[in-house]
Protein backbone atom coordinates (compact mmCIF):
# COMPACT_ATOMS: atom_id res chain seq x y z
CA MET A 1 -6.02 54.16 24.14
CA PHE A 2 -8.13 51.11 25.10
CA LYS A 3 -9.32 50.61 21.51
CA SER A 4 -5.73 50.78 20.27
CA LEU A 5 -4.74 48.11 22.79
CA ILE A 6 -7.56 45.85 21.61
CA ASN A 7 -6.52 46.30 17.98
CA LEU A 8 -2.92 45.50 18.91
CA LEU A 9 -3.95 42.31 20.72
CA ASP A 10 -6.14 41.29 17.77
CA TRP A 11 -3.15 41.72 15.49
CA ILE A 12 -0.77 39.80 17.77
CA TYR A 13 -3.14 36.88 18.33
CA LYS A 14 -4.61 36.83 14.85
CA LYS A 15 -5.51 33.30 13.82
CA LYS A 16 -3.34 31.73 11.18
CA CYS A 17 -4.38 29.08 8.70
CA TYR A 18 -3.39 25.71 10.13
CA PHE A 19 -2.32 24.58 6.67
CA CYS A 20 -0.43 27.43 4.96
CA LYS A 21 0.10 29.69 8.04
CA SER A 22 -1.44 32.70 6.28
CA SER A 23 -3.17 35.20 8.57
CA LYS A 24 -4.94 37.15 5.81
CA GLU A 25 -8.38 35.76 6.66
CA ALA A 26 -7.72 35.19 10.38
CA ILE A 27 -9.30 31.72 10.24
CA ARG A 28 -8.00 28.20 10.86
CA MET A 29 -8.48 27.08 7.25
CA CYS A 30 -8.24 29.76 4.62
CA SER A 31 -10.33 29.71 1.46
CA ALA A 32 -7.38 28.76 -0.72
CA CYS A 33 -6.52 25.72 1.40
CA TYR A 34 -10.16 24.65 1.69
CA ASP A 35 -10.46 24.77 -2.09
CA THR A 36 -7.65 22.21 -2.39
CA LEU A 37 -9.86 19.52 -0.83
CA ASP A 38 -10.87 17.09 -3.55
CA TYR A 39 -14.28 15.43 -3.64
CA LEU A 40 -14.90 11.93 -4.89
CA PRO A 41 -17.62 11.49 -7.52
CA VAL A 42 -21.10 11.53 -6.02
CA ARG A 43 -21.98 7.85 -5.92
CA VAL A 44 -22.39 4.99 -3.49
CA ASN A 45 -18.96 3.88 -2.27
CA ARG A 46 -20.17 0.51 -0.99
CA ILE A 47 -23.22 -1.36 0.25
CA ILE A 48 -23.17 -2.84 3.75
CA ASP A 49 -26.05 -5.13 4.65
CA GLY A 50 -28.19 -3.28 2.11
CA LYS A 51 -27.29 0.16 3.50
CA LYS A 52 -25.59 2.77 1.32
CA VAL A 53 -22.21 4.14 2.34
CA TYR A 54 -20.88 7.36 0.82
CA CYS A 55 -17.35 8.73 1.11
CA ALA A 56 -16.81 12.41 0.35
CA GLY A 57 -13.08 12.51 -0.43
CA VAL A 58 -9.76 10.66 -0.48
CA TYR A 59 -7.59 10.57 2.65
CA SER A 60 -4.62 12.55 1.38
CA LYS A 61 -2.90 15.95 1.49
CA ASN A 62 -4.85 18.70 3.30
CA LEU A 63 -7.84 16.47 4.00
CA GLN A 64 -5.54 14.07 5.84
CA LYS A 65 -3.94 16.95 7.75
CA LEU A 66 -7.39 18.33 8.58
CA ILE A 67 -8.53 15.05 10.14
CA ARG A 68 -5.29 14.42 11.99
CA GLY A 69 -5.19 17.95 13.38
CA LEU A 70 -8.76 17.70 14.62
CA LYS A 71 -8.45 14.15 15.94
CA TYR A 72 -5.00 14.09 17.53
CA HIS A 73 -3.73 17.66 17.95
CA ASN A 74 -6.60 19.41 19.75
CA GLN A 75 -7.44 21.60 16.74
CA LYS A 76 -11.15 21.71 17.57
CA ASP A 77 -11.79 24.70 15.30
CA LEU A 78 -11.16 22.39 12.35
CA ALA A 79 -14.41 20.51 13.05
CA PHE A 80 -16.33 23.19 11.15
CA TYR A 81 -14.30 22.70 7.97
CA LEU A 82 -14.62 18.91 8.00
CA ALA A 83 -18.37 19.26 8.61
CA LYS A 84 -18.64 21.76 5.76
CA PHE A 85 -16.79 19.40 3.42
CA MET A 86 -19.12 16.53 4.36
CA ALA A 87 -22.26 18.69 4.21
CA GLU A 88 -21.47 20.02 0.74
CA TYR A 89 -21.04 16.47 -0.50
CA PHE A 90 -24.12 15.17 1.31
CA GLN A 91 -26.37 17.86 -0.11
CA LYS A 92 -25.57 16.52 -3.57
CA ILE A 93 -26.99 13.16 -2.50
CA THR A 94 -30.22 14.34 -0.92
CA ASP A 95 -32.02 17.49 0.11
CA LYS A 96 -33.90 15.60 2.81
CA LYS A 97 -33.64 17.32 6.20
CA ASP A 98 -35.21 14.75 8.43
CA PHE A 99 -32.29 12.64 9.63
CA GLU A 100 -31.05 12.05 13.11
CA VAL A 101 -27.29 12.34 12.73
CA VAL A 102 -25.33 9.81 14.80
CA PRO A 103 -21.54 10.30 15.07
CA VAL A 104 -19.42 7.19 15.66
CA PRO A 105 -18.84 7.09 19.44
CA ILE A 106 -15.52 6.40 21.13
CA TYR A 107 -14.98 4.49 24.36
CA PRO A 108 -15.58 6.69 27.44
CA LYS A 109 -12.08 6.15 28.85
CA ARG A 110 -10.52 7.19 25.55
CA GLU A 111 -12.81 10.21 25.27
CA LYS A 112 -11.89 11.26 28.80
CA LYS A 113 -8.18 10.99 27.98
CA ARG A 114 -8.55 12.94 24.72
CA LYS A 115 -11.07 15.31 26.39
CA TYR A 116 -13.43 15.22 23.38
CA ASN A 117 -14.82 13.05 20.60
CA HIS A 118 -13.87 14.83 17.40
CA MET A 119 -16.84 13.31 15.52
CA ASN A 120 -19.26 14.81 18.05
CA LEU A 121 -17.84 18.24 17.20
CA VAL A 122 -18.14 17.52 13.47
CA ALA A 123 -21.71 16.26 13.89
CA GLU A 124 -22.74 19.42 15.74
CA GLU A 125 -21.45 21.60 12.90
CA PHE A 126 -22.87 19.26 10.26
CA CYS A 127 -26.36 19.53 11.79
CA ARG A 128 -26.15 23.33 11.88
CA LEU A 129 -25.20 23.38 8.22
CA THR A 130 -27.80 20.86 7.02
CA SER A 131 -30.70 21.50 9.45
CA ASN A 132 -30.74 17.86 10.57
CA GLU A 133 -31.06 16.70 14.18
CA LEU A 134 -28.09 15.56 16.24
CA ASN A 135 -28.45 12.37 18.28
CA LYS A 136 -25.29 11.55 20.24
CA ASP A 137 -27.21 9.30 22.65
CA LEU A 138 -28.64 6.65 20.34
CA ILE A 139 -25.61 4.37 20.31
CA ARG A 140 -22.60 4.11 22.59
CA ARG A 141 -19.32 2.20 22.48
CA ILE A 142 -19.12 -0.35 25.29
CA LYS A 143 -15.87 -2.06 24.28
CA ASP A 144 -12.42 -0.48 24.35
CA THR A 145 -11.31 -1.58 20.91
CA LYS A 146 -7.79 -1.54 19.50
CA PRO A 147 -6.89 1.03 16.83
CA GLN A 148 -8.22 -0.31 13.53
CA TYR A 149 -5.62 0.97 11.07
CA LYS A 150 -3.12 -1.87 11.62
CA LEU A 151 -5.71 -4.66 11.45
CA LYS A 152 -6.87 -6.74 8.51
CA ARG A 153 -10.60 -6.95 7.75
CA ALA A 154 -11.24 -10.17 9.71
CA GLU A 155 -9.31 -8.75 12.66
CA ARG A 156 -11.28 -5.51 12.44
CA MET A 157 -14.59 -7.35 12.62
CA LEU A 158 -13.44 -9.40 15.62
CA ASN A 159 -12.10 -6.26 17.29
CA LEU A 160 -15.45 -4.48 16.82
CA SER A 161 -17.67 -7.44 17.70
CA ASN A 162 -20.19 -6.37 20.37
CA ALA A 163 -18.48 -2.98 20.61
CA PHE A 164 -21.69 -0.93 20.39
CA LYS A 165 -24.97 -0.79 22.27
CA VAL A 166 -28.14 0.97 21.13
CA ASN A 167 -30.15 2.98 23.66
CA LYS A 168 -33.46 2.56 21.85
CA GLU A 169 -35.28 4.90 24.22
CA ASN A 170 -33.27 7.69 22.60
CA TYR A 171 -34.40 6.84 19.07
CA LYS A 172 -36.59 9.59 17.61
CA GLY A 173 -38.12 7.60 14.77
CA LYS A 174 -36.27 9.30 11.92
CA ALA A 175 -33.90 7.98 9.27
CA VAL A 176 -30.45 7.53 10.81
CA LEU A 177 -27.34 9.06 9.25
CA LEU A 178 -24.17 7.52 10.67
CA ILE A 179 -21.09 9.71 10.18
CA ASP A 180 -17.39 8.99 10.63
CA ASP A 181 -14.09 10.48 9.51
CA ILE A 182 -12.52 7.54 7.62
CA CYS A 183 -14.08 4.47 6.04
CA THR A 184 -11.45 1.86 5.19
CA THR A 185 -13.11 -1.57 5.13
CA GLY A 186 -16.46 -0.34 6.45
CA SER A 187 -16.25 -2.59 9.52
CA THR A 188 -17.18 0.18 12.00
CA PHE A 189 -20.27 1.10 10.01
CA GLU A 190 -21.11 -2.58 9.60
CA GLU A 191 -21.04 -3.30 13.32
CA MET A 192 -23.14 -0.22 14.08
CA ILE A 193 -25.65 -1.16 11.36
CA ASN A 194 -25.90 -4.67 12.82
CA GLU A 195 -26.59 -3.33 16.30
CA LEU A 196 -29.18 -0.84 15.06
CA THR A 197 -30.89 -3.51 12.97
CA ARG A 198 -31.04 -5.89 15.95
CA ASN A 199 -33.00 -3.13 17.68
CA GLY A 200 -35.46 -2.71 14.83
CA ILE A 201 -33.86 0.45 13.38
CA THR A 202 -33.36 -0.18 9.67
CA ASP A 203 -33.64 3.16 7.85
CA ILE A 204 -29.91 3.89 7.82
CA ILE A 205 -27.44 5.67 5.56
CA CYS A 206 -23.71 6.19 6.20
CA LEU A 207 -21.35 9.03 5.33
CA ALA A 208 -17.58 9.14 5.86
CA ALA A 209 -15.47 12.20 5.22
CA THR A 210 -12.79 10.14 3.52
CA THR A 211 -11.61 6.76 2.32
CA PRO A 212 -8.02 5.71 1.68
CA PHE A 213 -9.18 4.03 -1.52
CA GLU A 214 -10.41 5.92 -4.57
CA ASN A 215 -12.93 3.87 -6.51
């Protein structure tokens, strides 16, 4: 009787794919939907102050829905799939497993309102998949910046000026991998690179899940 009840509850509350609503695999992103995510060619997307920036895919279709669901709609389970997408791309760049992975931080008041930083969740999964070390405490955001998507490049740089502060006592001496969801102009990475460099940390590489621009 009890086992039958458990099976019934499992069936009723079976997870559906967030994208196609299929419950066949009982996961938040089914294999078919994950396979629709398109990678960009494996190459450097841009150079910022001598540091390489890679972007794994283009911000469109299911990849866009994946990021928006995770970031704005409390779909925390989707962090694994974004991390997997980034990890599969990153492993084509290097097999080095000695990075400290630093997710882009958000301002504490905003994180408290949202109740989580989605990139922290992605970074945790990314480190499990790639055997690198998570470091959420190396750099923090000390300025409550405006949303970047409506700003031009010069406005973005002004908006992000002095937005980050490095806690050098938390640096573990490894190469730093900065990760973010979207890289548009690269201004967020640039400001973080500048702050790290000012603190003598120069072995840096950047990885974004997506870019709006295919190049």
